[in-house]
Amino acid sequence: GVGMGMTAPVSITAFPAEDGSLQQKVKVSLRIPSQFQANPPCPSDESIKIEERQGMTIYSTQFGGYAKETDYVNYAAKLKAALGSEAAYRKDFYFCNGYDPPMKPYGRRNEVWFVKE
């Protein structure tokens, strides 16, 4: 019953298949606003879980526009190519992040994050 408003980023955990496409399972994460961090309200929907994301070091790339799945896949491939074989990062998942509300037409910010191992 508590409204928390829009938070950013909206973070989607993507699980890439062997060919680089995304598997049909995703995990969407929303940041709990600061004023609710110490005592977050309990979700009324059983499919919603509160998790604490541990600190991490990431490799990131940023792009604009209204991001679609193909955009995230393409930018993940570009980030992978830019990192080459020297960088150690998690290959079983990556994060697709959007920072803007749907009504914002210009200056949109999206990112792909690889988690450093």
Protein backbone atom coordinates (compact mmCIF):
# COMPACT_ATOMS: atom_id res chain seq x y z
CA GLY A 1 0.00 0.00 0.00
CA VAL A 2 3.02 2.34 -0.07
CA GLY A 3 3.80 4.19 -3.31
CA MET A 4 7.52 4.60 -3.91
CA GLY A 5 7.53 6.20 -7.36
CA MET A 6 9.92 5.54 -10.25
CA THR A 7 13.51 4.69 -9.40
CA ALA A 8 16.52 4.43 -11.67
CA PRO A 9 17.98 2.43 -13.04
CA VAL A 10 15.50 -0.28 -13.89
CA SER A 11 17.88 -3.21 -14.12
CA ILE A 12 17.13 -6.39 -16.06
CA THR A 13 19.34 -9.42 -15.51
CA ALA A 14 19.78 -11.04 -18.91
CA PHE A 15 20.91 -14.62 -19.38
CA PRO A 16 22.63 -15.00 -22.77
CA ALA A 17 22.35 -18.18 -24.83
CA GLU A 18 25.36 -19.68 -26.65
CA ASP A 19 24.63 -17.61 -29.77
CA GLY A 20 24.46 -14.34 -27.79
CA SER A 21 20.66 -14.05 -27.92
CA LEU A 22 18.79 -13.83 -24.64
CA GLN A 23 17.11 -16.79 -23.02
CA GLN A 24 13.43 -16.38 -22.26
CA LYS A 25 14.05 -15.77 -18.58
CA VAL A 26 14.83 -12.38 -17.11
CA LYS A 27 14.91 -10.82 -13.67
CA VAL A 28 13.77 -7.20 -13.31
CA SER A 29 15.19 -5.22 -10.39
CA LEU A 30 14.11 -1.83 -9.09
CA ARG A 31 16.05 0.22 -6.57
CA ILE A 32 14.24 0.83 -3.29
CA PRO A 33 14.37 4.59 -2.54
CA SER A 34 16.72 5.72 0.25
CA GLN A 35 13.94 6.55 2.73
CA PHE A 36 12.75 2.91 2.57
CA GLN A 37 16.16 1.20 2.60
CA ALA A 38 16.32 0.50 6.35
CA ASN A 39 12.79 -0.91 6.54
CA PRO A 40 11.34 -1.66 3.09
CA PRO A 41 7.60 -2.35 2.85
CA CYS A 42 6.69 -6.01 2.38
CA PRO A 43 5.51 -6.87 -1.15
CA SER A 44 1.90 -8.04 -1.36
CA ASP A 45 2.68 -10.13 -4.46
CA GLU A 46 4.52 -13.41 -3.75
CA SER A 47 6.47 -13.18 -7.02
CA ILE A 48 8.19 -9.99 -5.79
CA LYS A 49 11.25 -10.50 -3.61
CA ILE A 50 13.42 -7.99 -1.79
CA GLU A 51 17.09 -8.72 -2.35
CA GLU A 52 20.21 -6.87 -1.38
CA ARG A 53 22.62 -6.41 -4.27
CA GLN A 54 26.19 -6.64 -3.09
CA GLY A 55 28.79 -4.13 -4.23
CA MET A 56 30.40 -4.99 -7.55
CA THR A 57 32.86 -3.73 -10.09
CA ILE A 58 31.46 -3.56 -13.61
CA TYR A 59 32.49 -3.05 -17.20
CA SER A 60 29.92 -0.81 -18.83
CA THR A 61 28.84 0.69 -22.13
CA GLN A 62 26.20 3.38 -22.61
CA PHE A 63 23.82 4.15 -25.47
CA GLY A 64 20.74 6.27 -26.12
CA GLY A 65 17.26 5.85 -27.56
CA TYR A 66 14.36 3.58 -26.67
CA ALA A 67 16.24 0.35 -25.95
CA LYS A 68 14.91 -2.94 -27.26
CA GLU A 69 16.21 -6.44 -26.61
CA THR A 70 18.22 -6.36 -29.85
CA ASP A 71 19.91 -3.12 -28.74
CA TYR A 72 21.03 -4.68 -25.46
CA VAL A 73 22.27 -7.81 -27.26
CA ASN A 74 24.19 -5.71 -29.83
CA TYR A 75 25.78 -3.46 -27.20
CA ALA A 76 26.67 -6.48 -25.07
CA ALA A 77 28.46 -7.94 -28.12
CA LYS A 78 30.29 -4.62 -28.66
CA LEU A 79 31.34 -4.52 -25.00
CA LYS A 80 32.53 -8.13 -25.19
CA ALA A 81 34.59 -7.30 -28.30
CA ALA A 82 36.05 -4.17 -26.69
CA LEU A 83 37.11 -6.12 -23.59
CA GLY A 84 38.72 -8.91 -25.62
CA SER A 85 39.98 -12.05 -23.94
CA GLU A 86 42.00 -10.33 -21.20
CA ALA A 87 39.13 -9.10 -18.99
CA ALA A 88 37.60 -11.56 -16.52
CA TYR A 89 33.85 -11.10 -16.10
CA ARG A 90 30.73 -13.21 -15.52
CA LYS A 91 29.60 -14.83 -18.77
CA ASP A 92 26.37 -16.42 -17.45
CA PHE A 93 24.49 -13.13 -17.07
CA TYR A 94 24.73 -9.38 -17.56
CA PHE A 95 22.64 -6.35 -16.62
CA CYS A 96 20.55 -4.23 -19.02
CA ASN A 97 19.80 -0.87 -17.41
CA GLY A 98 17.40 1.90 -18.33
CA TYR A 99 17.40 5.25 -16.55
CA ASP A 100 14.47 7.13 -18.06
CA PRO A 101 10.67 7.08 -17.81
CA PRO A 102 8.84 5.91 -20.95
CA MET A 103 7.56 9.44 -21.69
CA LYS A 104 11.05 10.94 -22.11
CA PRO A 105 11.60 11.17 -25.88
CA TYR A 106 15.15 12.57 -26.05
CA GLY A 107 18.43 12.20 -24.19
CA ARG A 108 17.67 8.69 -23.02
CA ARG A 109 20.34 6.68 -21.18
CA ASN A 110 20.75 2.91 -21.31
CA GLU A 111 23.68 0.78 -20.19
CA VAL A 112 24.95 -2.78 -20.40
CA TRP A 113 26.96 -3.98 -17.39
CA PHE A 114 29.28 -6.99 -17.21
CA VAL A 115 30.24 -7.93 -13.64
CA LYS A 116 34.00 -8.21 -13.13
CA GLU A 117 35.16 -11.50 -11.62
